[in-house]
Amino acid sequence: MQPPRLQPGDEIRVIAPSMSMAIVKGKQVEIAQERLEGLGFRVTFGRHVEEHDLVFSTSVENRLEDLHEAFRDPNVKAIFTAIGGYNVNQLLAHIDYDLIQNNPKILIGYSDITALQLAIYRKTGLITYSGPHFSTFGMKQMADYTIQGMLAALTNDAPFELEAPETWSDDKWYLDQEDRTYYPNEGPIIITEGRAEGRLVGGNLSTLNLLQGTEYMPSLKGAVLFIEDDNETHLMKFDRDIQSVLHLPDAKELKAVLIGRFQKESDITESALVSLLKNKLELRDIPVMANVSFGHTDPIATLPIGGQAEITAENEKTEILIYGN
């Protein structure tokens, strides 16, 4: 089920189902709101978006209220999450999935938000979007790649190609907006060659694994699995985390795997990653790419969870075509 497309003049509601927006600097909130309004949208905020407790979140009840109200309000056409965090899975057993199914609309975010997105997709069939948070738009030097990728996914029905940006950054921009470092981007690397087509399922790997064995985990049958992780991971942790996914019965029917670029703090080198993945017997017969531009580095692509993708990884050529988004 695809949500209605976002159009000029539409209202975007910002909610904080994980960590509070209170941890985002006021100037960044101002920049983000101005940038989205400059694109022609109207920005409103959930009632509890800035509330916070000792773990910089707020009660399950208050976060649910903002989530449900955003889906219930007919004026709201898209829901942007403020930021990620650690605890959105606290909400999953208490969500009114019938309300969401009867009021389909865009939901976009990434990182911890993966649990919410996959649960909604599993329970309702609604396509959600792994892409920038509201706070991402608070970058003074925001990449056009991120903006145009979001617009391509949310505002039209035409297929689009997930191309590689020319440069990428891993700096803590939210600490110092003026000190940015960019690196040349050589594009995705091919781990295993091949062509495939399937449904996009995935997001943050550590968060996805929280759903294993629960009613909120989508099937991986016929899926193009896309996964990424943040600077809290390292090579051995990533190894066992991806192996855990590959042990799922449905993983035998995966069509392809896409892996987002790792942050430098992860200390996962390209050579180590290639060696690790080539050692996975489960990945030897399907196309696998790494260093794709989604996840915790900048810029960030937008991928529809539940949308369709065609993957080409042959003769040093890589192509990711997304349609049905």
Protein backbone atom coordinates (compact mmCIF):
# COMPACT_ATOMS: atom_id res chain seq x y z
CA MET A 1 0.00 0.00 0.00
CA GLN A 2 1.58 3.23 -1.17
CA PRO A 3 0.72 6.43 0.70
CA PRO A 4 -0.52 9.47 -1.25
CA ARG A 5 2.29 11.57 -2.74
CA LEU A 6 3.49 14.72 -0.99
CA GLN A 7 2.44 17.91 -2.82
CA PRO A 8 3.28 21.61 -2.50
CA GLY A 9 1.35 23.17 0.37
CA ASP A 10 0.98 19.87 2.24
CA GLU A 11 1.42 19.71 5.99
CA ILE A 12 4.37 17.80 7.44
CA ARG A 13 4.00 16.76 11.09
CA VAL A 14 7.19 16.28 13.11
CA ILE A 15 7.01 13.73 15.93
CA ALA A 16 9.59 12.20 18.29
CA PRO A 17 8.69 8.51 18.74
CA SER A 18 12.21 7.71 19.95
CA MET A 19 14.44 10.42 21.47
CA SER A 20 13.13 13.91 22.13
CA MET A 21 13.62 16.79 19.72
CA ALA A 22 14.85 18.72 22.77
CA ILE A 23 18.36 17.38 22.10
CA VAL A 24 18.39 19.13 18.71
CA LYS A 25 19.80 22.67 18.92
CA GLY A 26 17.24 25.41 18.43
CA LYS A 27 19.10 26.88 15.45
CA GLN A 28 19.06 23.49 13.73
CA VAL A 29 15.30 23.24 14.27
CA GLU A 30 14.93 26.71 12.76
CA ILE A 31 17.05 25.81 9.73
CA ALA A 32 15.19 22.53 9.20
CA GLN A 33 11.77 24.19 9.35
CA GLU A 34 12.83 26.99 7.01
CA ARG A 35 14.33 24.52 4.53
CA LEU A 36 11.21 22.35 4.36
CA GLU A 37 8.98 25.39 4.14
CA GLY A 38 11.23 26.68 1.37
CA LEU A 39 10.42 23.49 -0.53
CA GLY A 40 6.74 24.44 -0.34
CA PHE A 41 5.56 22.43 2.67
CA ARG A 42 3.99 23.50 5.94
CA VAL A 43 5.63 22.18 9.12
CA THR A 44 3.81 21.48 12.39
CA PHE A 45 4.97 19.67 15.53
CA GLY A 46 3.52 16.98 17.77
CA ARG A 47 2.34 18.16 21.17
CA HIS A 48 5.00 16.18 23.07
CA VAL A 49 7.90 16.49 20.63
CA GLU A 50 10.16 18.42 23.03
CA GLU A 51 9.32 16.61 26.27
CA HIS A 52 12.16 14.59 27.76
CA ASP A 53 13.05 12.48 30.78
CA LEU A 54 16.31 11.08 32.17
CA VAL A 55 16.95 9.09 28.98
CA PHE A 56 15.97 12.03 26.74
CA SER A 57 12.69 10.52 25.67
CA THR A 58 9.17 10.74 27.07
CA SER A 59 6.41 8.36 28.11
CA VAL A 60 5.05 5.65 25.84
CA GLU A 61 1.61 7.23 26.18
CA ASN A 62 2.77 10.66 25.01
CA ARG A 63 4.76 9.33 22.08
CA LEU A 64 1.80 7.18 21.01
CA GLU A 65 -0.51 10.17 21.26
CA ASP A 66 1.61 12.17 18.84
CA LEU A 67 1.95 9.21 16.46
CA HIS A 68 -1.76 8.45 16.44
CA GLU A 69 -2.75 12.10 16.15
CA ALA A 70 -0.46 12.55 13.15
CA PHE A 71 -2.12 9.63 11.35
CA ARG A 72 -5.60 10.70 12.49
CA ASP A 73 -5.35 14.35 11.39
CA PRO A 74 -6.59 14.60 7.77
CA ASN A 75 -4.53 17.76 7.22
CA VAL A 76 -1.25 15.91 7.85
CA LYS A 77 0.12 14.36 4.66
CA ALA A 78 3.58 13.26 5.84
CA ILE A 79 5.17 12.41 9.17
CA PHE A 80 8.86 13.17 9.72
CA THR A 81 10.61 11.79 12.77
CA ALA A 82 12.62 14.35 14.73
CA ILE A 83 15.62 12.11 15.41
CA GLY A 84 16.54 8.48 16.18
CA GLY A 85 17.49 6.96 19.52
CA TYR A 86 17.09 3.61 21.24
CA ASN A 87 13.55 2.96 22.42
CA VAL A 88 10.95 3.25 19.67
CA ASN A 89 10.31 -0.50 20.04
CA GLN A 90 8.55 0.30 23.33
CA LEU A 91 5.62 1.55 21.23
CA LEU A 92 5.06 -1.42 18.94
CA ALA A 93 2.63 -3.46 21.06
CA HIS A 94 0.44 -0.43 21.73
CA ILE A 95 0.07 1.09 18.26
CA ASP A 96 -3.37 1.29 16.64
CA TYR A 97 -2.43 -0.38 13.36
CA ASP A 98 -6.03 -0.22 12.10
CA LEU A 99 -5.89 3.56 12.41
CA ILE A 100 -2.70 3.62 10.33
CA GLN A 101 -4.07 1.22 7.72
CA ASN A 102 -7.21 3.33 7.35
CA ASN A 103 -5.25 6.59 7.12
CA PRO A 104 -2.18 5.77 5.02
CA LYS A 105 0.39 8.53 4.82
CA ILE A 106 4.12 9.02 4.45
CA LEU A 107 6.38 8.17 7.42
CA ILE A 108 10.10 8.92 7.01
CA GLY A 109 13.15 8.54 9.26
CA TYR A 110 15.97 6.09 9.90
CA SER A 111 18.18 4.51 12.58
CA ASP A 112 16.04 3.50 15.60
CA ILE A 113 12.93 4.43 13.59
CA THR A 114 13.55 1.21 11.61
CA ALA A 115 11.62 -0.77 14.24
CA LEU A 116 8.54 1.44 13.83
CA GLN A 117 8.72 1.37 10.05
CA LEU A 118 9.11 -2.39 9.76
CA ALA A 119 6.33 -3.02 12.28
CA ILE A 120 3.94 -0.76 10.37
CA TYR A 121 4.88 -2.40 7.08
CA ARG A 122 4.44 -5.88 8.57
CA LYS A 123 1.07 -5.08 10.20
CA THR A 124 -0.53 -2.88 7.53
CA GLY A 125 1.38 -3.27 4.27
CA LEU A 126 1.96 0.49 4.22
CA ILE A 127 5.17 1.51 2.47
CA THR A 128 7.32 3.68 4.75
CA TYR A 129 10.54 5.51 3.95
CA SER A 130 14.04 5.05 5.28
CA GLY A 131 15.51 8.50 4.83
CA PRO A 132 16.39 11.78 6.52
CA HIS A 133 14.99 12.84 9.88
CA PHE A 134 13.54 16.30 10.34
CA SER A 135 16.75 17.14 12.20
CA THR A 136 18.80 16.17 9.12
CA PHE A 137 17.37 19.23 7.40
CA GLY A 138 19.05 21.34 10.09
CA MET A 139 22.41 21.15 8.28
CA LYS A 140 23.58 24.55 7.05
CA GLN A 141 25.49 22.78 4.25
CA MET A 142 22.88 20.19 3.43
CA ALA A 143 23.62 18.09 0.35
CA ASP A 144 21.27 18.54 -2.57
CA TYR A 145 21.55 14.76 -2.98
CA THR A 146 19.60 14.22 0.25
CA ILE A 147 16.92 16.76 -0.64
CA GLN A 148 16.41 15.56 -4.22
CA GLY A 149 16.41 11.92 -3.12
CA MET A 150 13.69 12.63 -0.59
CA LEU A 151 11.62 14.51 -3.16
CA ALA A 152 12.04 11.74 -5.75
CA ALA A 153 10.75 9.15 -3.29
CA LEU A 154 7.92 11.16 -1.72
CA THR A 155 6.51 13.45 -4.40
CA ASN A 156 6.15 11.41 -7.59
CA ASP A 157 5.47 7.92 -8.86
CA ALA A 158 8.24 7.78 -11.46
CA PRO A 159 11.07 5.26 -11.01
CA PHE A 160 14.35 6.78 -9.88
CA GLU A 161 17.92 5.62 -9.78
CA LEU A 162 19.87 5.57 -6.53
CA GLU A 163 23.02 7.20 -7.86
CA ALA A 164 26.18 7.77 -5.86
CA PRO A 165 26.91 11.34 -4.67
CA GLU A 166 30.28 12.83 -5.60
CA THR A 167 31.41 13.24 -1.99
CA TRP A 168 30.46 12.07 1.48
CA SER A 169 31.02 13.22 5.06
CA ASP A 170 31.16 11.61 8.47
CA ASP A 171 31.67 14.68 10.63
CA LYS A 172 29.60 15.56 13.69
CA TRP A 173 27.96 18.48 11.89
CA TYR A 174 25.48 19.03 14.73
CA LEU A 175 28.40 20.04 17.00
CA ASP A 176 30.04 22.43 14.56
CA GLN A 177 28.15 23.52 11.45
CA GLU A 178 31.19 25.34 10.06
CA ASP A 179 33.74 22.51 10.31
CA ARG A 180 32.82 20.03 7.59
CA THR A 181 35.10 17.50 5.92
CA TYR A 182 34.17 15.78 2.66
CA TYR A 183 35.73 12.73 1.03
CA PRO A 184 35.60 11.59 -2.61
CA ASN A 185 32.95 8.94 -3.17
CA GLU A 186 33.97 6.11 -5.45
CA GLY A 187 30.50 4.63 -5.37
CA PRO A 188 29.25 1.20 -4.30
CA ILE A 189 31.61 -1.76 -4.33
CA ILE A 190 30.52 -5.12 -5.69
CA ILE A 191 30.90 -8.04 -3.31
CA THR A 192 29.00 -10.57 -5.41
CA GLU A 193 27.97 -9.99 -9.02
CA GLY A 194 24.48 -10.51 -10.34
CA ARG A 195 21.10 -9.04 -11.21
CA ALA A 196 17.97 -9.17 -9.09
CA GLU A 197 14.59 -7.64 -8.46
CA GLY A 198 12.59 -7.61 -5.23
CA ARG A 199 10.90 -5.71 -2.41
CA LEU A 200 13.08 -3.41 -0.35
CA VAL A 201 13.13 -4.45 3.31
CA GLY A 202 15.59 -3.22 5.89
CA GLY A 203 17.08 -0.26 7.70
CA ASN A 204 19.36 -0.15 10.72
CA LEU A 205 20.72 -3.66 11.30
CA SER A 206 20.93 -3.56 15.11
CA THR A 207 17.35 -2.27 15.27
CA LEU A 208 16.04 -4.76 12.72
CA ASN A 209 17.46 -7.59 14.79
CA LEU A 210 15.35 -6.49 17.77
CA LEU A 211 12.31 -7.68 15.82
CA GLN A 212 13.46 -11.23 15.17
CA GLY A 213 10.95 -13.76 16.53
CA THR A 214 8.27 -11.09 17.01
CA GLU A 215 5.06 -10.37 15.15
CA TYR A 216 6.62 -7.13 13.88
CA MET A 217 9.32 -8.63 11.65
CA PRO A 218 8.47 -8.56 7.92
CA SER A 219 9.15 -11.57 5.73
CA LEU A 220 12.41 -11.59 3.79
CA LYS A 221 11.03 -13.82 1.04
CA GLY A 222 11.77 -12.19 -2.28
CA ALA A 223 13.35 -9.19 -0.57
CA VAL A 224 16.22 -6.91 -1.43
CA LEU A 225 17.65 -6.51 2.05
CA PHE A 226 19.25 -3.13 2.78
CA ILE A 227 21.12 -2.70 6.05
CA GLU A 228 23.38 -0.15 7.73
CA ASP A 229 24.72 0.50 11.20
CA ASP A 230 26.14 3.39 13.18
CA ASN A 231 29.42 4.06 14.96
CA GLU A 232 28.49 1.74 17.83
CA THR A 233 29.16 -1.26 15.63
CA HIS A 234 32.52 -2.83 14.70
CA LEU A 235 33.60 -5.64 12.40
CA MET A 236 32.91 -8.58 14.71
CA LYS A 237 29.59 -7.19 15.89
CA PHE A 238 28.49 -6.54 12.33
CA ASP A 239 29.60 -10.08 11.40
CA ARG A 240 27.38 -11.76 13.98
CA ASP A 241 24.50 -9.33 13.46
CA ILE A 242 24.26 -9.96 9.72
CA GLN A 243 24.76 -13.68 10.29
CA SER A 244 21.77 -13.63 12.62
CA VAL A 245 19.62 -12.23 9.81
CA LEU A 246 20.94 -14.79 7.34
CA HIS A 247 19.87 -17.58 9.71
CA LEU A 248 16.22 -16.55 9.40
CA PRO A 249 14.31 -19.15 7.35
CA ASP A 250 13.04 -16.50 4.92
CA ALA A 251 16.59 -15.30 4.24
CA LYS A 252 17.08 -18.32 2.00
CA GLU A 253 14.87 -16.48 -0.50
CA LEU A 254 16.65 -13.12 -0.41
CA LYS A 255 17.17 -11.61 -3.86
CA ALA A 256 20.01 -9.18 -3.07
CA VAL A 257 21.75 -7.35 -0.22
CA LEU A 258 22.71 -3.67 -0.07
CA ILE A 259 24.95 -2.40 2.72
CA GLY A 260 25.19 1.27 3.65
CA ARG A 261 28.50 3.06 4.16
CA PHE A 262 30.00 2.62 7.64
CA GLN A 263 31.09 5.53 9.79
CA LYS A 264 34.82 5.91 10.32
CA GLU A 265 34.50 5.26 14.07
CA SER A 266 33.35 1.73 13.24
CA ASP A 267 36.87 1.07 11.94
CA ILE A 268 35.49 -1.30 9.32
CA THR A 269 37.88 -1.10 6.37
CA GLU A 270 36.81 -1.88 2.84
CA SER A 271 39.18 -4.86 2.61
CA ALA A 272 37.94 -6.32 5.91
CA LEU A 273 34.31 -5.88 4.88
CA VAL A 274 34.85 -7.53 1.50
CA SER A 275 36.64 -10.47 3.14
CA LEU A 276 33.89 -10.88 5.73
CA LEU A 277 31.06 -10.83 3.21
CA LYS A 278 32.75 -13.10 0.69
CA ASN A 279 33.05 -15.65 3.49
CA LYS A 280 29.25 -15.81 3.85
CA LEU A 281 28.07 -18.91 2.02
CA GLU A 282 24.51 -17.53 2.07
CA LEU A 283 25.58 -14.54 -0.07
CA ARG A 284 27.46 -16.31 -2.83
CA ASP A 285 24.55 -16.67 -5.26
CA ILE A 286 22.88 -13.24 -4.99
CA PRO A 287 24.15 -9.74 -5.84
CA VAL A 288 25.69 -7.93 -2.88
CA MET A 289 26.87 -4.30 -2.80
CA ALA A 290 28.50 -2.28 -0.03
CA ASN A 291 29.27 1.44 0.48
CA VAL A 292 25.81 2.45 -0.72
CA SER A 293 24.84 5.99 0.32
CA PHE A 294 22.25 5.36 3.00
CA GLY A 295 22.54 5.25 6.78
CA HIS A 296 24.51 7.34 9.24
CA THR A 297 26.87 9.16 6.86
CA ASP A 298 25.99 12.24 4.82
CA PRO A 299 24.40 12.53 2.30
CA ILE A 300 21.61 10.03 2.82
CA ALA A 301 19.38 8.39 0.22
CA THR A 302 15.67 7.70 0.70
CA LEU A 303 14.50 4.11 0.18
CA PRO A 304 10.88 2.90 0.30
CA ILE A 305 10.43 -0.04 2.67
CA GLY A 306 8.12 -2.29 0.68
CA GLY A 307 8.91 -0.62 -2.63
CA GLN A 308 10.42 -2.48 -5.54
CA ALA A 309 14.04 -2.34 -6.66
CA GLU A 310 16.10 -3.68 -9.55
CA ILE A 311 19.73 -4.38 -8.72
CA THR A 312 22.59 -4.68 -11.20
CA ALA A 313 26.11 -5.53 -10.05
CA GLU A 314 28.05 -6.78 -13.06
CA ASN A 315 31.33 -6.02 -14.83
CA GLU A 316 32.14 -3.18 -12.43
CA LYS A 317 28.75 -1.58 -13.17
CA THR A 318 26.35 -0.92 -10.31
CA GLU A 319 22.78 0.24 -10.68
CA ILE A 320 19.96 0.51 -8.14
CA LEU A 321 16.62 1.36 -9.77
CA ILE A 322 13.68 1.99 -7.47
CA TYR A 323 10.07 1.91 -8.56
CA GLY A 324 6.68 1.17 -7.05
CA ASN A 325 7.67 3.52 -4.24
